[in-house]
PDB file of N, CA and C in Angstrom:
ATOM      1  N   MET A   1      28.358  48.392  -4.299  1.00  0.00           N
ATOM      2  CA  MET A   1      28.532  49.690  -4.895  1.00  0.00           C
ATOM      3  C   MET A   1      27.344  49.999  -5.790  1.00  0.00           C
ATOM      4  N   ALA A   2      26.880  51.212  -5.712  1.00  0.00           N
ATOM      5  CA  ALA A   2      25.686  51.593  -6.450  1.00  0.00           C
ATOM      6  C   ALA A   2      26.036  52.167  -7.821  1.00  0.00           C
ATOM      7  N   ILE A   3      25.564  51.489  -8.859  1.00  0.00           N
ATOM      8  CA  ILE A   3      25.638  52.017 -10.222  1.00  0.00           C
ATOM      9  C   ILE A   3      24.249  52.575 -10.505  1.00  0.00           C
ATOM     10  N   LEU A   4      24.166  53.883 -10.668  1.00  0.00           N
ATOM     11  CA  LEU A   4      22.878  54.564 -10.740  1.00  0.00           C
ATOM     12  C   LEU A   4      22.199  54.438 -12.099  1.00  0.00           C
ATOM     13  N   TYR A   5      22.979  54.308 -13.157  1.00  0.00           N
ATOM     14  CA  TYR A   5      22.425  54.146 -14.501  1.00  0.00           C
ATOM     15  C   TYR A   5      23.518  53.591 -15.407  1.00  0.00           C
ATOM     16  N   ALA A   6      23.104  53.024 -16.508  1.00  0.00           N
ATOM     17  CA  ALA A   6      24.055  52.453 -17.467  1.00  0.00           C
ATOM     18  C   ALA A   6      24.490  53.536 -18.450  1.00  0.00           C
ATOM     19  N   LEU A   7      25.773  53.767 -18.543  1.00  0.00           N
ATOM     20  CA  LEU A   7      26.290  54.756 -19.484  1.00  0.00           C
ATOM     21  C   LEU A   7      25.959  54.372 -20.922  1.00  0.00           C
ATOM     22  N   GLU A   8      25.874  53.071 -21.178  1.00  0.00           N
ATOM     23  CA  GLU A   8      25.590  52.581 -22.530  1.00  0.00           C
ATOM     24  C   GLU A   8      24.222  53.033 -23.035  1.00  0.00           C
ATOM     25  N   LYS A   9      23.324  53.355 -22.134  1.00  0.00           N
ATOM     26  CA  LYS A   9      21.992  53.809 -22.558  1.00  0.00           C
ATOM     27  C   LYS A   9      22.049  55.155 -23.274  1.00  0.00           C
ATOM     28  N   ASN A  10      23.154  55.856 -23.116  1.00  0.00           N
ATOM     29  CA  ASN A  10      23.302  57.175 -23.733  1.00  0.00           C
ATOM     30  C   ASN A  10      24.130  57.130 -25.017  1.00  0.00           C
ATOM     31  N   GLU A  11      24.326  55.946 -25.564  1.00  0.00           N
ATOM     32  CA  GLU A  11      25.099  55.813 -26.795  1.00  0.00           C
ATOM     33  C   GLU A  11      24.266  56.246 -27.994  1.00  0.00           C
ATOM     34  N   PRO A  12      24.878  56.785 -29.032  1.00  0.00           N
ATOM     35  CA  PRO A  12      26.313  57.017 -29.214  1.00  0.00           C
ATOM     36  C   PRO A  12      26.785  58.336 -28.602  1.00  0.00           C
ATOM     37  N   TYR A  13      25.857  59.105 -28.028  1.00  0.00           N
ATOM     38  CA  TYR A  13      26.207  60.430 -27.497  1.00  0.00           C
ATOM     39  C   TYR A  13      27.337  60.341 -26.468  1.00  0.00           C
ATOM     40  N   TRP A  14      27.259  59.394 -25.531  1.00  0.00           N
ATOM     41  CA  TRP A  14      28.256  59.298 -24.468  1.00  0.00           C
ATOM     42  C   TRP A  14      29.666  59.112 -25.035  1.00  0.00           C
ATOM     43  N   SER A  15      29.848  58.154 -25.927  1.00  0.00           N
ATOM     44  CA  SER A  15      31.176  57.885 -26.493  1.00  0.00           C
ATOM     45  C   SER A  15      31.703  59.071 -27.290  1.00  0.00           C
ATOM     46  N   GLU A  16      30.831  59.733 -28.023  1.00  0.00           N
ATOM     47  CA  GLU A  16      31.240  60.898 -28.805  1.00  0.00           C
ATOM     48  C   GLU A  16      31.672  62.031 -27.880  1.00  0.00           C
ATOM     49  N   TRP A  17      30.882  62.268 -26.830  1.00  0.00           N
ATOM     50  CA  TRP A  17      31.211  63.328 -25.882  1.00  0.00           C
ATOM     51  C   TRP A  17      32.537  63.012 -25.196  1.00  0.00           C
ATOM     52  N   LEU A  18      32.701  61.775 -24.749  1.00  0.00           N
ATOM     53  CA  LEU A  18      33.918  61.369 -24.043  1.00  0.00           C
ATOM     54  C   LEU A  18      35.150  61.533 -24.933  1.00  0.00           C
ATOM     55  N   ALA A  19      35.045  61.166 -26.201  1.00  0.00           N
ATOM     56  CA  ALA A  19      36.174  61.279 -27.132  1.00  0.00           C
ATOM     57  C   ALA A  19      36.594  62.727 -27.345  1.00  0.00           C
ATOM     58  N   ASP A  20      35.666  63.673 -27.177  1.00  0.00           N
ATOM     59  CA  ASP A  20      35.967  65.098 -27.353  1.00  0.00           C
ATOM     60  C   ASP A  20      36.615  65.732 -26.125  1.00  0.00           C
ATOM     61  N   GLN A  21      36.701  65.013 -25.019  1.00  0.00           N
ATOM     62  CA  GLN A  21      37.250  65.572 -23.781  1.00  0.00           C
ATOM     63  C   GLN A  21      38.771  65.484 -23.769  1.00  0.00           C
ATOM     64  N   PRO A  22      39.420  66.418 -23.079  1.00  0.00           N
ATOM     65  CA  PRO A  22      40.892  66.349 -22.968  1.00  0.00           C
ATOM     66  C   PRO A  22      41.313  65.075 -22.236  1.00  0.00           C
ATOM     67  N   PRO A  23      42.530  64.629 -22.448  1.00  0.00           N
ATOM     68  CA  PRO A  23      43.008  63.404 -21.793  1.00  0.00           C
ATOM     69  C   PRO A  23      42.875  63.427 -20.267  1.00  0.00           C
ATOM     70  N   THR A  24      43.096  64.586 -19.665  1.00  0.00           N
ATOM     71  CA  THR A  24      42.983  64.659 -18.198  1.00  0.00           C
ATOM     72  C   THR A  24      41.563  64.347 -17.731  1.00  0.00           C
ATOM     73  N   ILE A  25      40.586  64.839 -18.470  1.00  0.00           N
ATOM     74  CA  ILE A  25      39.181  64.588 -18.125  1.00  0.00           C
ATOM     75  C   ILE A  25      38.840  63.125 -18.392  1.00  0.00           C
ATOM     76  N   GLN A  26      39.305  62.592 -19.516  1.00  0.00           N
ATOM     77  CA  GLN A  26      39.047  61.181 -19.829  1.00  0.00           C
ATOM     78  C   GLN A  26      39.602  60.272 -18.729  1.00  0.00           C
ATOM     79  N   ALA A  27      40.788  60.596 -18.223  1.00  0.00           N
ATOM     80  CA  ALA A  27      41.393  59.786 -17.163  1.00  0.00           C
ATOM     81  C   ALA A  27      40.570  59.876 -15.880  1.00  0.00           C
ATOM     82  N   LEU A  28      40.097  61.077 -15.553  1.00  0.00           N
ATOM     83  CA  LEU A  28      39.244  61.244 -14.363  1.00  0.00           C
ATOM     84  C   LEU A  28      37.962  60.424 -14.494  1.00  0.00           C
ATOM     85  N   ILE A  29      37.351  60.491 -15.662  1.00  0.00           N
ATOM     86  CA  ILE A  29      36.098  59.767 -15.884  1.00  0.00           C
ATOM     87  C   ILE A  29      36.319  58.261 -15.812  1.00  0.00           C
ATOM     88  N   ALA A  30      37.443  57.799 -16.351  1.00  0.00           N
ATOM     89  CA  ALA A  30      37.741  56.364 -16.301  1.00  0.00           C
ATOM     90  C   ALA A  30      37.879  55.892 -14.855  1.00  0.00           C
ATOM     91  N   ARG A  31      38.491  56.720 -14.016  1.00  0.00           N
ATOM     92  CA  ARG A  31      38.718  56.347 -12.613  1.00  0.00           C
ATOM     93  C   ARG A  31      37.481  56.603 -11.752  1.00  0.00           C
ATOM     94  N   TYR A  32      36.733  57.661 -12.062  1.00  0.00           N
ATOM     95  CA  TYR A  32      35.563  58.071 -11.273  1.00  0.00           C
ATOM     96  C   TYR A  32      34.369  58.285 -12.210  1.00  0.00           C
ATOM     97  N   PRO A  33      33.709  57.213 -12.639  1.00  0.00           N
ATOM     98  CA  PRO A  33      32.591  57.353 -13.580  1.00  0.00           C
ATOM     99  C   PRO A  33      31.432  58.161 -12.973  1.00  0.00           C
ATOM    100  N   PRO A  34      30.698  58.873 -13.814  1.00  0.00           N
ATOM    101  CA  PRO A  34      29.615  59.718 -13.317  1.00  0.00           C
ATOM    102  C   PRO A  34      28.353  58.952 -12.921  1.00  0.00           C
ATOM    103  N   ASN A  35      28.307  57.667 -13.209  1.00  0.00           N
ATOM    104  CA  ASN A  35      27.096  56.899 -12.922  1.00  0.00           C
ATOM    105  C   ASN A  35      27.176  56.135 -11.606  1.00  0.00           C
ATOM    106  N   ARG A  36      28.108  56.498 -10.746  1.00  0.00           N
ATOM    107  CA  ARG A  36      28.290  55.824  -9.462  1.00  0.00           C
ATOM    108  C   ARG A  36      27.902  56.746  -8.318  1.00  0.00           C
ATOM    109  N   LEU A  37      27.605  56.129  -7.199  1.00  0.00           N
ATOM    110  CA  LEU A  37      27.346  56.873  -5.967  1.00  0.00           C
ATOM    111  C   LEU A  37      28.612  56.803  -5.123  1.00  0.00           C
ATOM    112  N   TYR A  38      29.026  57.955  -4.605  1.00  0.00           N
ATOM    113  CA  TYR A  38      30.247  58.049  -3.818  1.00  0.00           C
ATOM    114  C   TYR A  38      29.933  58.608  -2.433  1.00  0.00           C
ATOM    115  N   ARG A  39      30.815  58.312  -1.487  1.00  0.00           N
ATOM    116  CA  ARG A  39      30.699  58.880  -0.152  1.00  0.00           C
ATOM    117  C   ARG A  39      31.911  59.782   0.083  1.00  0.00           C
ATOM    118  N   MET A  40      31.635  60.992   0.579  1.00  0.00           N
ATOM    119  CA  MET A  40      32.697  61.924   0.940  1.00  0.00           C
ATOM    120  C   MET A  40      33.175  61.597   2.352  1.00  0.00           C
ATOM    121  N   ALA A  41      34.306  62.169   2.732  1.00  0.00           N
ATOM    122  CA  ALA A  41      34.878  61.932   4.059  1.00  0.00           C
ATOM    123  C   ALA A  41      33.915  62.355   5.174  1.00  0.00           C
ATOM    124  N   ASN A  42      33.049  63.332   4.900  1.00  0.00           N
ATOM    125  CA  ASN A  42      32.100  63.793   5.916  1.00  0.00           C
ATOM    126  C   ASN A  42      30.861  62.893   6.013  1.00  0.00           C
ATOM    127  N   GLY A  43      30.825  61.826   5.215  1.00  0.00           N
ATOM    128  CA  GLY A  43      29.726  60.865   5.274  1.00  0.00           C
ATOM    129  C   GLY A  43      28.616  61.086   4.268  1.00  0.00           C
ATOM    130  N   GLN A  44      28.608  62.221   3.606  1.00  0.00           N
ATOM    131  CA  GLN A  44      27.542  62.490   2.642  1.00  0.00           C
ATOM    132  C   GLN A  44      27.752  61.690   1.364  1.00  0.00           C
ATOM    133  N   ARG A  45      26.650  61.187   0.832  1.00  0.00           N
ATOM    134  CA  ARG A  45      26.681  60.498  -0.457  1.00  0.00           C
ATOM    135  C   ARG A  45      26.525  61.547  -1.551  1.00  0.00           C
ATOM    136  N   VAL A  46      27.307  61.390  -2.626  1.00  0.00           N
ATOM    137  CA  VAL A  46      27.308  62.390  -3.686  1.00  0.00           C
ATOM    138  C   VAL A  46      27.367  61.724  -5.049  1.00  0.00           C
ATOM    139  N   THR A  47      26.962  62.473  -6.050  1.00  0.00           N
ATOM    140  CA  THR A  47      27.132  62.064  -7.441  1.00  0.00           C
ATOM    141  C   THR A  47      28.004  63.107  -8.128  1.00  0.00           C
ATOM    142  N   ILE A  48      28.841  62.652  -9.037  1.00  0.00           N
ATOM    143  CA  ILE A  48      29.720  63.570  -9.772  1.00  0.00           C
ATOM    144  C   ILE A  48      28.935  64.171 -10.930  1.00  0.00           C
ATOM    145  N   VAL A  49      28.987  65.498 -11.026  1.00  0.00           N
ATOM    146  CA  VAL A  49      28.274  66.191 -12.099  1.00  0.00           C
ATOM    147  C   VAL A  49      29.207  66.998 -12.994  1.00  0.00           C
ATOM    148  N   GLY A  50      30.499  67.046 -12.660  1.00  0.00           N
ATOM    149  CA  GLY A  50      31.433  67.788 -13.491  1.00  0.00           C
ATOM    150  C   GLY A  50      32.870  67.419 -13.186  1.00  0.00           C
ATOM    151  N   TYR A  51      33.707  67.535 -14.211  1.00  0.00           N
ATOM    152  CA  TYR A  51      35.132  67.219 -14.112  1.00  0.00           C
ATOM    153  C   TYR A  51      35.915  68.431 -14.587  1.00  0.00           C
ATOM    154  N   ARG A  52      37.048  68.713 -13.907  1.00  0.00           N
ATOM    155  CA  ARG A  52      37.853  69.878 -14.268  1.00  0.00           C
ATOM    156  C   ARG A  52      39.277  69.454 -14.625  1.00  0.00           C
ATOM    157  N   ASP A  53      39.907  70.261 -15.461  1.00  0.00           N
ATOM    158  CA  ASP A  53      41.283  69.987 -15.892  1.00  0.00           C
ATOM    159  C   ASP A  53      42.271  69.969 -14.731  1.00  0.00           C
ATOM    160  N   ASP A  54      41.945  70.632 -13.633  1.00  0.00           N
ATOM    161  CA  ASP A  54      42.863  70.653 -12.489  1.00  0.00           C
ATOM    162  C   ASP A  54      42.783  69.374 -11.656  1.00  0.00           C
ATOM    163  N   GLY A  55      41.973  68.405 -12.111  1.00  0.00           N
ATOM    164  CA  GLY A  55      41.880  67.123 -11.420  1.00  0.00           C
ATOM    165  C   GLY A  55      40.811  67.046 -10.359  1.00  0.00           C
ATOM    166  N   THR A  56      40.037  68.117 -10.204  1.00  0.00           N
ATOM    167  CA  THR A  56      38.952  68.102  -9.230  1.00  0.00           C
ATOM    168  C   THR A  56      37.622  67.815  -9.911  1.00  0.00           C
ATOM    169  N   VAL A  57      36.619  67.548  -9.093  1.00  0.00           N
ATOM    170  CA  VAL A  57      35.280  67.282  -9.609  1.00  0.00           C
ATOM    171  C   VAL A  57      34.266  68.164  -8.882  1.00  0.00           C
ATOM    172  N   THR A  58      33.110  68.301  -9.509  1.00  0.00           N
ATOM    173  CA  THR A  58      31.960  68.944  -8.881  1.00  0.00           C
ATOM    174  C   THR A  58      30.969  67.852  -8.561  1.00  0.00           C
ATOM    175  N   VAL A  59      30.421  67.891  -7.340  1.00  0.00           N
ATOM    176  CA  VAL A  59      29.485  66.863  -6.907  1.00  0.00           C
ATOM    177  C   VAL A  59      28.178  67.493  -6.466  1.00  0.00           C
ATOM    178  N   ASP A  60      27.122  66.704  -6.566  1.00  0.00           N
ATOM    179  CA  ASP A  60      25.819  67.094  -6.020  1.00  0.00           C
ATOM    180  C   ASP A  60      25.603  66.359  -4.710  1.00  0.00           C
ATOM    181  N   VAL A  61      25.211  67.113  -3.700  1.00  0.00           N
ATOM    182  CA  VAL A  61      24.802  66.561  -2.416  1.00  0.00           C
ATOM    183  C   VAL A  61      23.282  66.706  -2.402  1.00  0.00           C
ATOM    184  N   SER A  62      22.570  65.594  -2.584  1.00  0.00           N
ATOM    185  CA  SER A  62      21.119  65.685  -2.746  1.00  0.00           C
ATOM    186  C   SER A  62      20.378  64.956  -1.638  1.00  0.00           C
ATOM    187  N   GLY A  63      19.129  65.322  -1.497  1.00  0.00           N
ATOM    188  CA  GLY A  63      18.252  64.651  -0.562  1.00  0.00           C
ATOM    189  C   GLY A  63      17.805  63.285  -1.049  1.00  0.00           C
ATOM    190  N   GLU A  64      18.160  62.943  -2.265  1.00  0.00           N
ATOM    191  CA  GLU A  64      17.818  61.619  -2.774  1.00  0.00           C
ATOM    192  C   GLU A  64      18.601  60.526  -2.046  1.00  0.00           C
ATOM    193  N   PHE A  65      19.820  60.872  -1.614  1.00  0.00           N
ATOM    194  CA  PHE A  65      20.694  59.878  -0.987  1.00  0.00           C
ATOM    195  C   PHE A  65      21.127  60.240   0.428  1.00  0.00           C
ATOM    196  N   ASN A  66      20.713  61.410   0.943  1.00  0.00           N
ATOM    197  CA  ASN A  66      21.138  61.922   2.250  1.00  0.00           C
ATOM    198  C   ASN A  66      19.981  62.645   2.925  1.00  0.00           C
ATOM    199  N   LEU A  67      20.130  62.868   4.207  1.00  0.00           N
ATOM    200  CA  LEU A  67      19.270  63.811   4.920  1.00  0.00           C
ATOM    201  C   LEU A  67      20.093  65.089   5.058  1.00  0.00           C
ATOM    202  N   VAL A  68      19.694  66.121   4.331  1.00  0.00           N
ATOM    203  CA  VAL A  68      20.463  67.364   4.287  1.00  0.00           C
ATOM    204  C   VAL A  68      19.570  68.548   4.617  1.00  0.00           C
ATOM    205  N   THR A  69      20.196  69.615   5.073  1.00  0.00           N
ATOM    206  CA  THR A  69      19.442  70.841   5.318  1.00  0.00           C
ATOM    207  C   THR A  69      18.944  71.413   4.001  1.00  0.00           C
ATOM    208  N   PHE A  70      19.838  71.441   2.998  1.00  0.00           N
ATOM    209  CA  PHE A  70      19.453  71.876   1.649  1.00  0.00           C
ATOM    210  C   PHE A  70      20.373  71.192   0.647  1.00  0.00           C
ATOM    211  N   GLU A  71      19.862  70.979  -0.555  1.00  0.00           N
ATOM    212  CA  GLU A  71      20.646  70.346  -1.616  1.00  0.00           C
ATOM    213  C   GLU A  71      21.601  71.372  -2.203  1.00  0.00           C
ATOM    214  N   ARG A  72      22.755  70.880  -2.670  1.00  0.00           N
ATOM    215  CA  ARG A  72      23.744  71.802  -3.201  1.00  0.00           C
ATOM    216  C   ARG A  72      24.756  71.079  -4.078  1.00  0.00           C
ATOM    217  N   SER A  73      25.469  71.871  -4.855  1.00  0.00           N
ATOM    218  CA  SER A  73      26.617  71.384  -5.614  1.00  0.00           C
ATOM    219  C   SER A  73      27.868  71.898  -4.922  1.00  0.00           C
ATOM    220  N   VAL A  74      28.894  71.063  -4.903  1.00  0.00           N
ATOM    221  CA  VAL A  74      30.169  71.432  -4.281  1.00  0.00           C
ATOM    222  C   VAL A  74      31.251  71.268  -5.333  1.00  0.00           C
ATOM    223  N   PHE A  75      32.030  72.312  -5.578  1.00  0.00           N
ATOM    224  CA  PHE A  75      33.077  72.234  -6.589  1.00  0.00           C
ATOM    225  C   PHE A  75      34.445  72.175  -5.927  1.00  0.00           C
ATOM    226  N   GLY A  76      35.445  71.756  -6.702  1.00  0.00           N
ATOM    227  CA  GLY A  76      36.803  71.690  -6.193  1.00  0.00           C
ATOM    228  C   GLY A  76      37.068  70.494  -5.293  1.00  0.00           C
ATOM    229  N   VAL A  77      36.273  69.445  -5.445  1.00  0.00           N
ATOM    230  CA  VAL A  77      36.436  68.249  -4.615  1.00  0.00           C
ATOM    231  C   VAL A  77      37.541  67.373  -5.205  1.00  0.00           C
ATOM    232  N   ASP A  78      38.464  66.960  -4.359  1.00  0.00           N
ATOM    233  CA  ASP A  78      39.516  66.037  -4.782  1.00  0.00           C
ATOM    234  C   ASP A  78      38.887  64.648  -4.855  1.00  0.00           C
ATOM    235  N   PRO A  79      38.817  64.039  -6.041  1.00  0.00           N
ATOM    236  CA  PRO A  79      38.129  62.755  -6.163  1.00  0.00           C
ATOM    237  C   PRO A  79      38.797  61.620  -5.378  1.00  0.00           C
ATOM    238  N   VAL A  80      40.052  61.799  -5.002  1.00  0.00           N
ATOM    239  CA  VAL A  80      40.724  60.783  -4.182  1.00  0.00           C
ATOM    240  C   VAL A  80      39.978  60.608  -2.857  1.00  0.00           C
ATOM    241  N   GLU A  81      39.281  61.644  -2.428  1.00  0.00           N
ATOM    242  CA  GLU A  81      38.519  61.609  -1.178  1.00  0.00           C
ATOM    243  C   GLU A  81      37.189  60.866  -1.317  1.00  0.00           C
ATOM    244  N   LEU A  82      36.797  60.533  -2.540  1.00  0.00           N
ATOM    245  CA  LEU A  82      35.514  59.870  -2.778  1.00  0.00           C
ATOM    246  C   LEU A  82      35.686  58.356  -2.770  1.00  0.00           C
ATOM    247  N   VAL A  83      34.735  57.688  -2.132  1.00  0.00           N
ATOM    248  CA  VAL A  83      34.738  56.232  -2.070  1.00  0.00           C
ATOM    249  C   VAL A  83      33.378  55.753  -2.586  1.00  0.00           C
ATOM    250  N   GLU A  84      33.405  54.822  -3.541  1.00  0.00           N
ATOM    251  CA  GLU A  84      32.135  54.282  -4.030  1.00  0.00           C
ATOM    252  C   GLU A  84      31.376  53.669  -2.860  1.00  0.00           C
ATOM    253  N   CYS A  85      30.058  53.827  -2.884  1.00  0.00           N
ATOM    254  CA  CYS A  85      29.254  53.338  -1.768  1.00  0.00           C
ATOM    255  C   CYS A  85      27.923  52.782  -2.260  1.00  0.00           C
ATOM    256  N   ASP A  86      27.172  52.244  -1.328  1.00  0.00           N
ATOM    257  CA  ASP A  86      25.862  51.685  -1.618  1.00  0.00           C
ATOM    258  C   ASP A  86      24.777  52.737  -1.453  1.00  0.00           C
ATOM    259  N   LEU A  87      23.597  52.421  -1.958  1.00  0.00           N
ATOM    260  CA  LEU A  87      22.429  53.269  -1.744  1.00  0.00           C
ATOM    261  C   LEU A  87      22.080  53.303  -0.262  1.00  0.00           C
ATOM    262  N   PRO A  88      21.347  54.324   0.182  1.00  0.00           N
ATOM    263  CA  PRO A  88      20.900  54.333   1.573  1.00  0.00           C
ATOM    264  C   PRO A  88      20.025  53.110   1.858  1.00  0.00           C
ATOM    265  N   ASP A  89      20.051  52.666   3.095  1.00  0.00           N
ATOM    266  CA  ASP A  89      19.162  51.579   3.500  1.00  0.00           C
ATOM    267  C   ASP A  89      17.717  52.028   3.325  1.00  0.00           C
ATOM    268  N   PRO A  90      16.787  51.106   3.066  1.00  0.00           N
ATOM    269  CA  PRO A  90      15.386  51.485   2.860  1.00  0.00           C
ATOM    270  C   PRO A  90      14.779  52.249   4.036  1.00  0.00           C
ATOM    271  N   ASP A  91      15.243  51.983   5.257  1.00  0.00           N
ATOM    272  CA  ASP A  91      14.680  52.669   6.424  1.00  0.00           C
ATOM    273  C   ASP A  91      15.469  53.916   6.826  1.00  0.00           C
ATOM    274  N   GLU A  92      16.506  54.269   6.050  1.00  0.00           N
ATOM    275  CA  GLU A  92      17.307  55.455   6.356  1.00  0.00           C
ATOM    276  C   GLU A  92      16.555  56.711   5.943  1.00  0.00           C
ATOM    277  N   LEU A  93      16.595  57.726   6.818  1.00  0.00           N
ATOM    278  CA  LEU A  93      15.952  58.997   6.502  1.00  0.00           C
ATOM    279  C   LEU A  93      16.748  59.729   5.430  1.00  0.00           C
ATOM    280  N   VAL A  94      16.063  60.174   4.402  1.00  0.00           N
ATOM    281  CA  VAL A  94      16.676  60.976   3.344  1.00  0.00           C
ATOM    282  C   VAL A  94      15.728  62.122   3.021  1.00  0.00           C
ATOM    283  N   GLY A  95      16.256  63.141   2.375  1.00  0.00           N
ATOM    284  CA  GLY A  95      15.445  64.277   1.960  1.00  0.00           C
ATOM    285  C   GLY A  95      16.148  65.584   2.276  1.00  0.00           C
ATOM    286  N   ALA A  96      15.576  66.663   1.785  1.00  0.00           N
ATOM    287  CA  ALA A  96      16.097  68.008   2.039  1.00  0.00           C
ATOM    288  C   ALA A  96      15.088  68.761   2.890  1.00  0.00           C
ATOM    289  N   LEU A  97      15.567  69.331   3.995  1.00  0.00           N
ATOM    290  CA  LEU A  97      14.672  70.044   4.904  1.00  0.00           C
ATOM    291  C   LEU A  97      14.195  71.370   4.320  1.00  0.00           C
ATOM    292  N   LEU A  98      15.081  72.066   3.631  1.00  0.00           N
ATOM    293  CA  LEU A  98      14.732  73.347   3.012  1.00  0.00           C
ATOM    294  C   LEU A  98      14.765  73.206   1.505  1.00  0.00           C
ATOM    295  N   LYS A  99      13.713  73.669   0.846  1.00  0.00           N
ATOM    296  CA  LYS A  99      13.665  73.614  -0.617  1.00  0.00           C
ATOM    297  C   LYS A  99      13.461  74.991  -1.241  1.00  0.00           C
ATOM    298  N   ASP A 100      12.846  75.883  -0.512  1.00  0.00           N
ATOM    299  CA  ASP A 100      12.577  77.230  -1.007  1.00  0.00           C
ATOM    300  C   ASP A 100      13.874  78.049  -1.029  1.00  0.00           C
ATOM    301  N   ARG A 101      14.180  78.652  -2.165  1.00  0.00           N
ATOM    302  CA  ARG A 101      15.440  79.389  -2.334  1.00  0.00           C
ATOM    303  C   ARG A 101      15.594  80.499  -1.300  1.00  0.00           C
ATOM    304  N   ALA A 102      14.534  81.208  -0.996  1.00  0.00           N
ATOM    305  CA  ALA A 102      14.612  82.291  -0.004  1.00  0.00           C
ATOM    306  C   ALA A 102      14.929  81.727   1.379  1.00  0.00           C
ATOM    307  N   GLU A 103      14.334  80.601   1.730  1.00  0.00           N
ATOM    308  CA  GLU A 103      14.622  79.972   3.025  1.00  0.00           C
ATOM    309  C   GLU A 103      16.074  79.504   3.096  1.00  0.00           C
ATOM    310  N   ILE A 104      16.573  78.960   1.993  1.00  0.00           N
ATOM    311  CA  ILE A 104      17.966  78.495   1.954  1.00  0.00           C
ATOM    312  C   ILE A 104      18.912  79.677   2.138  1.00  0.00           C
ATOM    313  N   LYS A 105      18.658  80.775   1.433  1.00  0.00           N
ATOM    314  CA  LYS A 105      19.506  81.962   1.559  1.00  0.00           C
ATOM    315  C   LYS A 105      19.474  82.499   2.988  1.00  0.00           C
ATOM    316  N   ALA A 106      18.295  82.536   3.598  1.00  0.00           N
ATOM    317  CA  ALA A 106      18.180  83.012   4.977  1.00  0.00           C
ATOM    318  C   ALA A 106      18.933  82.095   5.939  1.00  0.00           C
ATOM    319  N   TYR A 107      18.856  80.805   5.726  1.00  0.00           N
ATOM    320  CA  TYR A 107      19.568  79.860   6.575  1.00  0.00           C
ATOM    321  C   TYR A 107      21.074  80.067   6.462  1.00  0.00           C
ATOM    322  N   ILE A 108      21.573  80.190   5.230  1.00  0.00           N
ATOM    323  CA  ILE A 108      23.011  80.384   5.022  1.00  0.00           C
ATOM    324  C   ILE A 108      23.458  81.684   5.682  1.00  0.00           C
ATOM    325  N   ALA A 109      22.678  82.741   5.516  1.00  0.00           N
ATOM    326  CA  ALA A 109      23.018  84.023   6.134  1.00  0.00           C
ATOM    327  C   ALA A 109      23.065  83.909   7.655  1.00  0.00           C
ATOM    328  N   SER A 110      22.177  83.112   8.226  1.00  0.00           N
ATOM    329  CA  SER A 110      22.147  82.962   9.684  1.00  0.00           C
ATOM    330  C   SER A 110      23.352  82.185  10.207  1.00  0.00           C
ATOM    331  N   ARG A 111      23.961  81.385   9.368  1.00  0.00           N
ATOM    332  CA  ARG A 111      25.105  80.560   9.763  1.00  0.00           C
ATOM    333  C   ARG A 111      26.444  81.222   9.459  1.00  0.00           C
ATOM    334  N   ARG A 112      26.430  82.286   8.687  1.00  0.00           N
ATOM    335  CA  ARG A 112      27.660  82.943   8.254  1.00  0.00           C
ATOM    336  C   ARG A 112      28.298  83.706   9.422  1.00  0.00           C
ATOM    337  N   ARG A 113      29.592  83.582   9.540  1.00  0.00           N
ATOM    338  CA  ARG A 113      30.321  84.315  10.578  1.00  0.00           C
ATOM    339  C   ARG A 113      30.571  85.747  10.124  1.00  0.00           C
ATOM    340  N   THR A 114      30.652  86.631  11.085  1.00  0.00           N
ATOM    341  CA  THR A 114      31.014  88.016  10.801  1.00  0.00           C
ATOM    342  C   THR A 114      32.451  88.220  11.245  1.00  0.00           C
ATOM    343  N   PRO A 115      33.086  89.307  10.818  1.00  0.00           N
ATOM    344  CA  PRO A 115      34.473  89.564  11.252  1.00  0.00           C
ATOM    345  C   PRO A 115      34.616  89.656  12.781  1.00  0.00           C
ATOM    346  N   ASN A 116      33.549  89.971  13.489  1.00  0.00           N
ATOM    347  CA  ASN A 116      33.612  90.119  14.940  1.00  0.00           C
ATOM    348  C   ASN A 116      33.416  88.793  15.683  1.00  0.00           C
ATOM    349  N   ASP A 117      33.056  87.726  14.964  1.00  0.00           N
ATOM    350  CA  ASP A 117      32.859  86.430  15.610  1.00  0.00           C
ATOM    351  C   ASP A 117      34.197  85.862  16.076  1.00  0.00           C
ATOM    352  N   THR A 118      34.156  85.159  17.183  1.00  0.00           N
ATOM    353  CA  THR A 118      35.349  84.472  17.650  1.00  0.00           C
ATOM    354  C   THR A 118      35.115  82.974  17.529  1.00  0.00           C
ATOM    355  N   LEU A 119      36.175  82.217  17.556  1.00  0.00           N
ATOM    356  CA  LEU A 119      36.070  80.769  17.398  1.00  0.00           C
ATOM    357  C   LEU A 119      35.950  80.059  18.737  1.00  0.00           C
ATOM    358  N   HIS A 120      35.821  80.759  19.833  1.00  0.00           N
ATOM    359  CA  HIS A 120      35.674  80.103  21.129  1.00  0.00           C
ATOM    360  C   HIS A 120      34.487  80.595  21.889  1.00  0.00           C
TER     361      HIS A 120
END
């Protein structure tokens, strides 16, 4: 399992910040620490960047740990779906194919369905 950084390096800020969080957030952090690498059900490796009172998390899908079309944050992720994982193998392809914001927007627009699209 990949531990990306030591939380203790951020002391005393980390402990103070954690103590100020609601119990629901503290419980999420205890179970799913932000310094770990996780794998989603779709195979993408992610890092947790936010916790919500509704029990979900926000994750970053980055080219640092995956080969992705573009990097992004995904919110509303059920952390039960996350599994701690290892770093990519040294010979595994990683990176983001699109980095320019205009190119990313154009790509998303090209993939978006219209009301007239059918699923078959």
